[in-house]
Amino acid sequence: MNGLFSNAAARAALRSAHASLADLTAAVGVSGLAAAQSSPGLMSVIDQHAAGVRDSLNADTRPLTPILLAAYAEGVRDAAFQHGWVAPDGEIDWTENDWVLRRLLAVCELARTLPAPR
């Protein structure tokens, strides 16, 4: 085993991160990014959130990775749930000002910029 993670463990972590981001995109990204395409105001907000995510992850000094983005999204969801946030049941109303959903949508937008999984 090399260092803390073997190559197999690193590949498993990467697969898990890609799966997590795919699930997030299915739950939030598909409808949210479609809504943002038809709403310049929403797209602007998502761009601002994406910049905030990049800043939080120090993306100016290290590259974004699926593992970083998936972990960040999980942290946002966990903190939101701890503070009483409830995920919408059914279709998402993107006209509502829901910080958590917009932040998660920004993660989906950033995930689209990553290389496709091999």
Protein backbone atom coordinates (compact mmCIF):
# COMPACT_ATOMS: atom_id res chain seq x y z
CA MET A 1 0.00 0.00 0.00
CA ASN A 2 1.38 3.38 -1.00
CA GLY A 3 0.85 6.13 1.57
CA LEU A 4 -2.57 6.42 3.16
CA PHE A 5 -4.51 5.17 0.15
CA SER A 6 -3.83 2.37 -2.25
CA ASN A 7 -4.60 2.98 -5.91
CA ALA A 8 -7.71 0.84 -5.51
CA ALA A 9 -8.98 2.99 -2.65
CA ALA A 10 -8.30 6.18 -4.59
CA ARG A 11 -10.21 4.82 -7.60
CA ALA A 12 -13.09 3.77 -5.34
CA ALA A 13 -13.24 7.25 -3.78
CA LEU A 14 -13.27 8.83 -7.23
CA ARG A 15 -16.06 6.50 -8.42
CA SER A 16 -18.05 7.32 -5.29
CA ALA A 17 -17.59 11.06 -5.85
CA HIS A 18 -18.72 10.80 -9.48
CA ALA A 19 -21.77 8.79 -8.39
CA SER A 20 -22.62 11.35 -5.71
CA LEU A 21 -22.33 14.21 -8.21
CA ALA A 22 -24.45 12.30 -10.73
CA ASP A 23 -27.15 11.78 -8.09
CA LEU A 24 -27.03 15.47 -7.17
CA THR A 25 -27.27 16.45 -10.82
CA ALA A 26 -30.30 14.19 -11.30
CA ALA A 27 -32.00 15.59 -8.19
CA VAL A 28 -31.12 19.27 -8.57
CA GLY A 29 -28.97 19.98 -11.59
CA VAL A 30 -31.15 18.91 -14.49
CA SER A 31 -34.17 21.02 -13.57
CA GLY A 32 -32.11 23.84 -12.07
CA LEU A 33 -29.76 24.28 -14.99
CA ALA A 34 -32.73 24.16 -17.39
CA ALA A 35 -34.45 26.87 -15.32
CA ALA A 36 -31.25 28.93 -15.25
CA GLN A 37 -30.98 28.76 -19.04
CA SER A 38 -34.32 30.53 -19.33
CA SER A 39 -33.74 32.93 -16.43
CA PRO A 40 -30.71 35.25 -16.66
CA GLY A 41 -31.30 36.33 -13.06
CA LEU A 42 -31.11 32.76 -11.77
CA MET A 43 -28.04 32.09 -13.90
CA SER A 44 -26.36 35.14 -12.41
CA VAL A 45 -27.12 33.94 -8.88
CA ILE A 46 -25.79 30.47 -9.71
CA ASP A 47 -22.61 32.00 -11.15
CA GLN A 48 -22.15 33.95 -7.90
CA HIS A 49 -22.67 30.79 -5.86
CA ALA A 50 -20.20 28.92 -8.08
CA ALA A 51 -17.62 31.63 -7.39
CA GLY A 52 -18.31 31.20 -3.66
CA VAL A 53 -17.83 27.44 -3.90
CA ARG A 54 -14.57 27.90 -5.80
CA ASP A 55 -13.38 30.38 -3.14
CA SER A 56 -14.35 27.97 -0.34
CA LEU A 57 -12.35 25.20 -1.99
CA ASN A 58 -9.35 27.43 -2.76
CA ALA A 59 -9.79 26.61 -6.43
CA ASP A 60 -7.42 29.43 -7.32
CA THR A 61 -4.54 27.44 -5.82
CA ARG A 62 -5.63 23.84 -6.41
CA PRO A 63 -7.77 22.25 -9.09
CA LEU A 64 -11.37 21.30 -8.52
CA THR A 65 -11.88 17.56 -8.37
CA PRO A 66 -14.98 15.38 -8.17
CA ILE A 67 -13.96 14.37 -4.64
CA LEU A 68 -13.71 17.99 -3.45
CA LEU A 69 -17.03 18.96 -5.03
CA ALA A 70 -18.88 15.89 -3.75
CA ALA A 71 -17.54 16.42 -0.23
CA TYR A 72 -18.47 20.10 -0.35
CA ALA A 73 -22.03 19.29 -1.47
CA GLU A 74 -22.37 16.70 1.29
CA GLY A 75 -21.18 19.26 3.83
CA VAL A 76 -23.71 21.83 2.60
CA ARG A 77 -26.55 19.29 2.82
CA ASP A 78 -25.48 18.07 6.27
CA ALA A 79 -25.22 21.60 7.69
CA ALA A 80 -28.55 22.56 6.14
CA PHE A 81 -30.32 19.53 7.62
CA GLN A 82 -28.80 20.27 11.04
CA HIS A 83 -30.26 23.78 10.82
CA GLY A 84 -33.75 22.55 9.93
CA TRP A 85 -33.66 22.76 6.14
CA VAL A 86 -36.00 20.33 4.45
CA ALA A 87 -35.40 19.19 0.89
CA PRO A 88 -38.33 19.91 -1.39
CA ASP A 89 -40.65 17.02 -2.08
CA GLY A 90 -41.32 16.73 -5.80
CA GLU A 91 -40.60 19.38 -8.40
CA ILE A 92 -38.34 22.25 -7.32
CA ASP A 93 -39.65 25.80 -7.66
CA TRP A 94 -36.55 27.65 -8.83
CA THR A 95 -38.24 31.04 -8.34
CA GLU A 96 -37.98 30.56 -4.57
CA ASN A 97 -34.90 32.00 -2.89
CA ASP A 98 -33.51 28.79 -1.38
CA TRP A 99 -29.81 29.31 -0.62
CA VAL A 100 -29.11 25.61 -0.14
CA LEU A 101 -30.63 24.56 -3.47
CA ARG A 102 -28.85 27.36 -5.29
CA ARG A 103 -25.53 26.40 -3.71
CA LEU A 104 -26.04 22.76 -4.67
CA LEU A 105 -26.99 23.82 -8.18
CA ALA A 106 -23.72 25.76 -8.35
CA VAL A 107 -21.89 22.54 -7.44
CA CYS A 108 -23.68 20.84 -10.34
CA GLU A 109 -22.61 23.63 -12.68
CA LEU A 110 -18.99 23.31 -11.54
CA ALA A 111 -19.14 19.51 -11.88
CA ARG A 112 -20.00 19.98 -15.56
CA THR A 113 -16.59 21.62 -16.05
CA LEU A 114 -14.71 18.55 -14.80
CA PRO A 115 -13.31 15.91 -17.16
CA ALA A 116 -15.70 13.02 -17.75
CA PRO A 117 -15.06 9.93 -15.63
CA ARG A 118 -13.01 7.21 -17.32
